Amino acid sequence: MTSINISVKKEAYDFLKDMKTKDKSFSDIILSFKKEQSSVMRFFGALKGIDWKEKEKSMKSLRESFNKRLQ
């Protein structure tokens, strides 16, 4: 395993240190962000088939009916 020294701001170090456990190294913590990013990417494009004009009309109607009940 190769070891490379890097410089990080104190704030970044404290953040990583807070996430670190006995079982995980700093490298493990940093690499976990790569896994999280790829898992979030699976949601890209999930809302592309929605008719947003129709959703906006529906939300406006809901707000109006809600406001009438409050008066």
C-alpha atoms as a PDB file:
ATOM      1  CA  MET A   1       0.000   0.000   0.000  1.00  0.00           C
ATOM      2  CA  THR A   2       1.337   3.416  -0.981  1.00  0.00           C
ATOM      3  CA  SER A   3       1.193   6.263   1.477  1.00  0.00           C
ATOM      4  CA  ILE A   4       0.883   9.895   0.352  1.00  0.00           C
ATOM      5  CA  ASN A   5       0.819  12.903   2.622  1.00  0.00           C
ATOM      6  CA  ILE A   6      -1.743  15.614   1.918  1.00  0.00           C
ATOM      7  CA  SER A   7      -2.570  18.941   3.519  1.00  0.00           C
ATOM      8  CA  VAL A   8      -6.090  19.752   4.645  1.00  0.00           C
ATOM      9  CA  LYS A   9      -7.569  22.628   6.579  1.00  0.00           C
ATOM     10  CA  LYS A  10      -8.097  22.087  10.290  1.00  0.00           C
ATOM     11  CA  GLU A  11     -11.851  22.157   9.734  1.00  0.00           C
ATOM     12  CA  ALA A  12     -11.595  19.303   7.202  1.00  0.00           C
ATOM     13  CA  TYR A  13      -9.346  17.298   9.510  1.00  0.00           C
ATOM     14  CA  ASP A  14     -11.747  17.760  12.442  1.00  0.00           C
ATOM     15  CA  PHE A  15     -14.649  16.672  10.223  1.00  0.00           C
ATOM     16  CA  LEU A  16     -12.844  13.490   9.174  1.00  0.00           C
ATOM     17  CA  LYS A  17     -11.636  12.849  12.713  1.00  0.00           C
ATOM     18  CA  ASP A  18     -15.220  13.039  14.016  1.00  0.00           C
ATOM     19  CA  MET A  19     -16.292  10.433  11.460  1.00  0.00           C
ATOM     20  CA  LYS A  20     -13.354   8.147  12.132  1.00  0.00           C
ATOM     21  CA  THR A  21     -13.843   5.068  14.296  1.00  0.00           C
ATOM     22  CA  LYS A  22     -11.499   2.419  15.599  1.00  0.00           C
ATOM     23  CA  ASP A  23     -12.416   0.189  12.661  1.00  0.00           C
ATOM     24  CA  LYS A  24     -12.022   2.834   9.916  1.00  0.00           C
ATOM     25  CA  SER A  25      -8.980   4.704   8.711  1.00  0.00           C
ATOM     26  CA  PHE A  26      -9.015   8.223   7.296  1.00  0.00           C
ATOM     27  CA  SER A  27      -8.682   6.621   3.846  1.00  0.00           C
ATOM     28  CA  ASP A  28     -11.787   4.518   4.492  1.00  0.00           C
ATOM     29  CA  ILE A  29     -13.731   7.635   5.467  1.00  0.00           C
ATOM     30  CA  ILE A  30     -12.632   9.555   2.372  1.00  0.00           C
ATOM     31  CA  LEU A  31     -13.394   6.626   0.047  1.00  0.00           C
ATOM     32  CA  SER A  32     -16.875   6.269   1.570  1.00  0.00           C
ATOM     33  CA  PHE A  33     -17.762   9.645   0.021  1.00  0.00           C
ATOM     34  CA  LYS A  34     -17.070   8.191  -3.425  1.00  0.00           C
ATOM     35  CA  LYS A  35     -19.535   5.384  -2.742  1.00  0.00           C
ATOM     36  CA  GLU A  36     -22.166   7.833  -1.454  1.00  0.00           C
ATOM     37  CA  GLN A  37     -21.847  10.014  -4.539  1.00  0.00           C
ATOM     38  CA  SER A  38     -22.415   7.128  -6.916  1.00  0.00           C
ATOM     39  CA  SER A  39     -25.433   5.961  -4.926  1.00  0.00           C
ATOM     40  CA  VAL A  40     -27.004   9.430  -5.192  1.00  0.00           C
ATOM     41  CA  MET A  41     -26.428   9.506  -8.937  1.00  0.00           C
ATOM     42  CA  ARG A  42     -28.884   6.662  -9.457  1.00  0.00           C
ATOM     43  CA  PHE A  43     -31.678   9.193  -8.817  1.00  0.00           C
ATOM     44  CA  PHE A  44     -30.586  11.539 -11.621  1.00  0.00           C
ATOM     45  CA  GLY A  45     -33.397  11.923 -14.132  1.00  0.00           C
ATOM     46  CA  ALA A  46     -36.017  10.341 -11.868  1.00  0.00           C
ATOM     47  CA  LEU A  47     -38.331  13.362 -12.241  1.00  0.00           C
ATOM     48  CA  LYS A  48     -37.877  14.021 -15.950  1.00  0.00           C
ATOM     49  CA  GLY A  49     -41.230  12.497 -16.969  1.00  0.00           C
ATOM     50  CA  ILE A  50     -43.349  14.703 -14.714  1.00  0.00           C
ATOM     51  CA  ASP A  51     -45.659  17.378 -16.152  1.00  0.00           C
ATOM     52  CA  TRP A  52     -44.559  20.283 -13.960  1.00  0.00           C
ATOM     53  CA  LYS A  53     -47.213  22.688 -15.312  1.00  0.00           C
ATOM     54  CA  GLU A  54     -49.918  20.278 -14.160  1.00  0.00           C
ATOM     55  CA  LYS A  55     -48.189  19.816 -10.784  1.00  0.00           C
ATOM     56  CA  GLU A  56     -48.070  23.597 -10.352  1.00  0.00           C
ATOM     57  CA  LYS A  57     -51.808  23.884 -11.054  1.00  0.00           C
ATOM     58  CA  SER A  58     -52.536  21.098  -8.597  1.00  0.00           C
ATOM     59  CA  MET A  59     -50.417  22.694  -5.871  1.00  0.00           C
ATOM     60  CA  LYS A  60     -52.056  26.090  -6.453  1.00  0.00           C
ATOM     61  CA  SER A  61     -55.496  24.514  -6.128  1.00  0.00           C
ATOM     62  CA  LEU A  62     -54.490  22.752  -2.923  1.00  0.00           C
ATOM     63  CA  ARG A  63     -53.129  25.991  -1.427  1.00  0.00           C
ATOM     64  CA  GLU A  64     -56.313  27.869  -2.325  1.00  0.00           C
ATOM     65  CA  SER A  65     -58.551  25.251  -0.708  1.00  0.00           C
ATOM     66  CA  PHE A  66     -56.335  25.224   2.364  1.00  0.00           C
ATOM     67  CA  ASN A  67     -56.449  29.026   2.651  1.00  0.00           C
ATOM     68  CA  LYS A  68     -60.273  28.977   2.350  1.00  0.00           C
ATOM     69  CA  ARG A  69     -60.472  26.557   5.290  1.00  0.00           C
ATOM     70  CA  LEU A  70     -58.266  28.826   7.388  1.00  0.00           C
ATOM     71  CA  GLN A  71     -60.551  31.866   6.912  1.00  0.00           C
END
